[in-house]
Amino acid sequence: MTIREISEGLNIYYGSVQNILTTDLNMRRVSAKFVPRVLTVEQKQQHLSISLELCNRATSDPSFLGNVIMGDETWVYGYDSEIRVQSSPSSPHAKKTRQSRSNIKVMMIVFFDLDGIVRAEFVPRNTTVNSEYYRAY
């Protein structure tokens, strides 16, 4: 069910339903629907122990976060410059450049730390990015 359906069915404000679902029931949105997060007790314990370990290291060693490298994936679109003649009474030969998105779409993986980008790579077309890809990378 969607938040709106629940809100209308129970005659409760949209924001209240959203708060109950996310905060009280620990649910998350998947394709505009809410489903419960299903973590085993072992997975929850592992998340907790890793978080506590990172917290302790950051507290005991002020330079710890400077050694952390994060990564992210994003889609990058190519843009074509189009020059068109602008008809204007004051300048009959004025030209204006306009950017239009082309059909070029490539995935880019970026790794960065506190100082900025460490490495950026474009993923070849028709390549599946999964754990095997990262191990080979």
C-alpha atoms as a PDB file:
ATOM      1  CA  MET A   1       0.000   0.000   0.000  1.00  0.00           C
ATOM      2  CA  THR A   2       1.098   3.568  -0.542  1.00  0.00           C
ATOM      3  CA  ILE A   3       1.214   6.229   2.172  1.00  0.00           C
ATOM      4  CA  ARG A   4      -1.671   8.030   0.499  1.00  0.00           C
ATOM      5  CA  GLU A   5      -3.841   4.884   0.516  1.00  0.00           C
ATOM      6  CA  ILE A   6      -3.141   4.271   4.196  1.00  0.00           C
ATOM      7  CA  SER A   7      -3.713   7.948   5.010  1.00  0.00           C
ATOM      8  CA  GLU A   8      -7.073   8.036   3.248  1.00  0.00           C
ATOM      9  CA  GLY A   9      -8.163   4.650   4.622  1.00  0.00           C
ATOM     10  CA  LEU A  10      -7.431   5.598   8.231  1.00  0.00           C
ATOM     11  CA  ASN A  11      -8.243   9.304   7.897  1.00  0.00           C
ATOM     12  CA  ILE A  12      -4.786  10.276   9.243  1.00  0.00           C
ATOM     13  CA  TYR A  13      -2.475  12.982   7.920  1.00  0.00           C
ATOM     14  CA  TYR A  14       0.030  11.891   5.257  1.00  0.00           C
ATOM     15  CA  GLY A  15       3.038  13.048   7.348  1.00  0.00           C
ATOM     16  CA  SER A  16       1.828  11.139  10.405  1.00  0.00           C
ATOM     17  CA  VAL A  17       1.488   7.913   8.421  1.00  0.00           C
ATOM     18  CA  GLN A  18       4.934   8.435   6.893  1.00  0.00           C
ATOM     19  CA  ASN A  19       6.477   9.017  10.334  1.00  0.00           C
ATOM     20  CA  ILE A  20       4.822   5.901  11.806  1.00  0.00           C
ATOM     21  CA  LEU A  21       5.985   3.725   8.902  1.00  0.00           C
ATOM     22  CA  THR A  22       9.598   4.942   8.839  1.00  0.00           C
ATOM     23  CA  THR A  23      10.317   5.658  12.517  1.00  0.00           C
ATOM     24  CA  ASP A  24       8.076   3.377  14.543  1.00  0.00           C
ATOM     25  CA  LEU A  25       7.801   0.394  12.181  1.00  0.00           C
ATOM     26  CA  ASN A  26      11.297   0.724  10.630  1.00  0.00           C
ATOM     27  CA  MET A  27       9.975   0.371   7.078  1.00  0.00           C
ATOM     28  CA  ARG A  28      11.502   1.791   3.912  1.00  0.00           C
ATOM     29  CA  ARG A  29      10.218   2.764   0.486  1.00  0.00           C
ATOM     30  CA  VAL A  30      10.722   0.322  -2.387  1.00  0.00           C
ATOM     31  CA  SER A  31       9.209   1.333  -5.724  1.00  0.00           C
ATOM     32  CA  ALA A  32       6.829   3.733  -3.965  1.00  0.00           C
ATOM     33  CA  LYS A  33       5.684   0.947  -1.630  1.00  0.00           C
ATOM     34  CA  PHE A  34       6.742   0.347   1.960  1.00  0.00           C
ATOM     35  CA  VAL A  35       8.237  -2.969   2.972  1.00  0.00           C
ATOM     36  CA  PRO A  36       9.829  -3.952   6.285  1.00  0.00           C
ATOM     37  CA  ARG A  37      13.586  -4.147   6.527  1.00  0.00           C
ATOM     38  CA  VAL A  38      14.364  -7.784   7.040  1.00  0.00           C
ATOM     39  CA  LEU A  39      17.682  -8.119   8.822  1.00  0.00           C
ATOM     40  CA  THR A  40      18.585 -11.140  10.843  1.00  0.00           C
ATOM     41  CA  VAL A  41      19.701 -10.716  14.446  1.00  0.00           C
ATOM     42  CA  GLU A  42      23.230 -11.616  13.308  1.00  0.00           C
ATOM     43  CA  GLN A  43      23.201  -8.896  10.612  1.00  0.00           C
ATOM     44  CA  LYS A  44      21.950  -6.300  13.095  1.00  0.00           C
ATOM     45  CA  GLN A  45      24.674  -7.299  15.574  1.00  0.00           C
ATOM     46  CA  GLN A  46      27.328  -7.108  12.852  1.00  0.00           C
ATOM     47  CA  HIS A  47      26.167  -3.601  11.826  1.00  0.00           C
ATOM     48  CA  LEU A  48      26.236  -2.491  15.452  1.00  0.00           C
ATOM     49  CA  SER A  49      29.716  -3.870  16.163  1.00  0.00           C
ATOM     50  CA  ILE A  50      31.204  -2.324  12.996  1.00  0.00           C
ATOM     51  CA  SER A  51      29.609   1.054  13.775  1.00  0.00           C
ATOM     52  CA  LEU A  52      30.918   0.984  17.348  1.00  0.00           C
ATOM     53  CA  GLU A  53      34.398   0.014  16.163  1.00  0.00           C
ATOM     54  CA  LEU A  54      34.479   2.890  13.662  1.00  0.00           C
ATOM     55  CA  CYS A  55      33.200   5.301  16.328  1.00  0.00           C
ATOM     56  CA  ASN A  56      35.875   4.210  18.787  1.00  0.00           C
ATOM     57  CA  ARG A  57      38.649   4.515  16.199  1.00  0.00           C
ATOM     58  CA  ALA A  58      37.500   7.982  15.139  1.00  0.00           C
ATOM     59  CA  THR A  59      37.410   9.083  18.795  1.00  0.00           C
ATOM     60  CA  SER A  60      40.806   7.630  19.728  1.00  0.00           C
ATOM     61  CA  ASP A  61      42.630   8.669  16.533  1.00  0.00           C
ATOM     62  CA  PRO A  62      41.785  12.175  15.215  1.00  0.00           C
ATOM     63  CA  SER A  63      43.480  11.417  11.866  1.00  0.00           C
ATOM     64  CA  PHE A  64      41.411   8.258  11.298  1.00  0.00           C
ATOM     65  CA  LEU A  65      38.784   9.883   9.063  1.00  0.00           C
ATOM     66  CA  GLY A  66      41.578  11.251   6.871  1.00  0.00           C
ATOM     67  CA  ASN A  67      42.383   7.649   5.901  1.00  0.00           C
ATOM     68  CA  VAL A  68      38.826   6.766   4.851  1.00  0.00           C
ATOM     69  CA  ILE A  69      38.087   6.503   1.136  1.00  0.00           C
ATOM     70  CA  MET A  70      34.476   6.432  -0.051  1.00  0.00           C
ATOM     71  CA  GLY A  71      33.107   5.454  -3.439  1.00  0.00           C
ATOM     72  CA  ASP A  72      30.002   6.232  -5.434  1.00  0.00           C
ATOM     73  CA  GLU A  73      28.507   5.384  -8.804  1.00  0.00           C
ATOM     74  CA  THR A  74      26.688   7.877 -10.991  1.00  0.00           C
ATOM     75  CA  TRP A  75      25.394   8.188 -14.538  1.00  0.00           C
ATOM     76  CA  VAL A  76      27.122  10.806 -16.701  1.00  0.00           C
ATOM     77  CA  TYR A  77      25.384  12.192 -19.770  1.00  0.00           C
ATOM     78  CA  GLY A  78      27.112  13.660 -22.816  1.00  0.00           C
ATOM     79  CA  TYR A  79      26.047  17.071 -24.053  1.00  0.00           C
ATOM     80  CA  ASP A  80      26.257  18.467 -27.568  1.00  0.00           C
ATOM     81  CA  SER A  81      26.740  22.158 -28.206  1.00  0.00           C
ATOM     82  CA  GLU A  82      24.371  23.580 -30.757  1.00  0.00           C
ATOM     83  CA  ILE A  83      24.992  26.968 -32.281  1.00  0.00           C
ATOM     84  CA  ARG A  84      21.981  28.764 -33.579  1.00  0.00           C
ATOM     85  CA  VAL A  85      21.654  32.133 -35.179  1.00  0.00           C
ATOM     86  CA  GLN A  86      19.643  34.480 -33.055  1.00  0.00           C
ATOM     87  CA  SER A  87      17.411  36.872 -34.913  1.00  0.00           C
ATOM     88  CA  SER A  88      17.562  40.211 -33.183  1.00  0.00           C
ATOM     89  CA  PRO A  89      16.976  43.710 -34.530  1.00  0.00           C
ATOM     90  CA  SER A  90      20.124  45.052 -32.835  1.00  0.00           C
ATOM     91  CA  SER A  91      22.466  42.254 -33.951  1.00  0.00           C
ATOM     92  CA  PRO A  92      21.372  40.291 -37.029  1.00  0.00           C
ATOM     93  CA  HIS A  93      24.366  37.912 -36.909  1.00  0.00           C
ATOM     94  CA  ALA A  94      24.345  37.087 -33.192  1.00  0.00           C
ATOM     95  CA  LYS A  95      24.971  33.448 -32.345  1.00  0.00           C
ATOM     96  CA  LYS A  96      23.893  31.641 -29.220  1.00  0.00           C
ATOM     97  CA  THR A  97      25.263  28.318 -27.958  1.00  0.00           C
ATOM     98  CA  ARG A  98      22.808  25.880 -26.429  1.00  0.00           C
ATOM     99  CA  GLN A  99      23.570  22.620 -24.673  1.00  0.00           C
ATOM    100  CA  SER A 100      21.371  19.650 -25.475  1.00  0.00           C
ATOM    101  CA  ARG A 101      21.689  16.233 -23.874  1.00  0.00           C
ATOM    102  CA  SER A 102      22.860  13.618 -26.333  1.00  0.00           C
ATOM    103  CA  ASN A 103      22.185   9.901 -26.249  1.00  0.00           C
ATOM    104  CA  ILE A 104      25.578   9.250 -24.612  1.00  0.00           C
ATOM    105  CA  LYS A 105      25.113   7.810 -21.132  1.00  0.00           C
ATOM    106  CA  VAL A 106      28.013   6.256 -19.217  1.00  0.00           C
ATOM    107  CA  MET A 107      28.394   5.077 -15.641  1.00  0.00           C
ATOM    108  CA  MET A 108      31.227   6.670 -13.699  1.00  0.00           C
ATOM    109  CA  ILE A 109      32.697   5.369 -10.444  1.00  0.00           C
ATOM    110  CA  VAL A 110      34.334   7.967  -8.212  1.00  0.00           C
ATOM    111  CA  PHE A 111      36.465   7.367  -5.119  1.00  0.00           C
ATOM    112  CA  PHE A 112      37.162  10.296  -2.818  1.00  0.00           C
ATOM    113  CA  ASP A 113      38.562  11.186   0.594  1.00  0.00           C
ATOM    114  CA  LEU A 114      38.543  14.327   2.755  1.00  0.00           C
ATOM    115  CA  ASP A 115      40.803  16.142   0.275  1.00  0.00           C
ATOM    116  CA  GLY A 116      38.735  15.380  -2.830  1.00  0.00           C
ATOM    117  CA  ILE A 117      38.646  12.882  -5.695  1.00  0.00           C
ATOM    118  CA  VAL A 118      41.192  10.064  -5.461  1.00  0.00           C
ATOM    119  CA  ARG A 119      40.196   8.225  -8.633  1.00  0.00           C
ATOM    120  CA  ALA A 120      37.427   8.354 -11.212  1.00  0.00           C
ATOM    121  CA  GLU A 121      36.761   5.667 -13.807  1.00  0.00           C
ATOM    122  CA  PHE A 122      34.222   5.294 -16.589  1.00  0.00           C
ATOM    123  CA  VAL A 123      32.619   1.848 -16.744  1.00  0.00           C
ATOM    124  CA  PRO A 124      32.665   0.267 -20.217  1.00  0.00           C
ATOM    125  CA  ARG A 125      29.273  -0.222 -21.869  1.00  0.00           C
ATOM    126  CA  ASN A 126      27.393  -3.463 -21.134  1.00  0.00           C
ATOM    127  CA  THR A 127      29.475  -4.109 -18.023  1.00  0.00           C
ATOM    128  CA  THR A 128      27.783  -5.297 -14.863  1.00  0.00           C
ATOM    129  CA  VAL A 129      29.056  -3.498 -11.787  1.00  0.00           C
ATOM    130  CA  ASN A 130      29.055  -5.943  -8.888  1.00  0.00           C
ATOM    131  CA  SER A 131      31.507  -7.331  -6.350  1.00  0.00           C
ATOM    132  CA  GLU A 132      33.443  -9.219  -9.059  1.00  0.00           C
ATOM    133  CA  TYR A 133      33.882  -5.996 -11.033  1.00  0.00           C
ATOM    134  CA  TYR A 134      35.233  -4.163  -7.982  1.00  0.00           C
ATOM    135  CA  ARG A 135      37.645  -6.999  -7.138  1.00  0.00           C
ATOM    136  CA  ALA A 136      39.066  -6.882 -10.667  1.00  0.00           C
ATOM    137  CA  TYR A 137      39.127  -3.092 -10.564  1.00  0.00           C
END
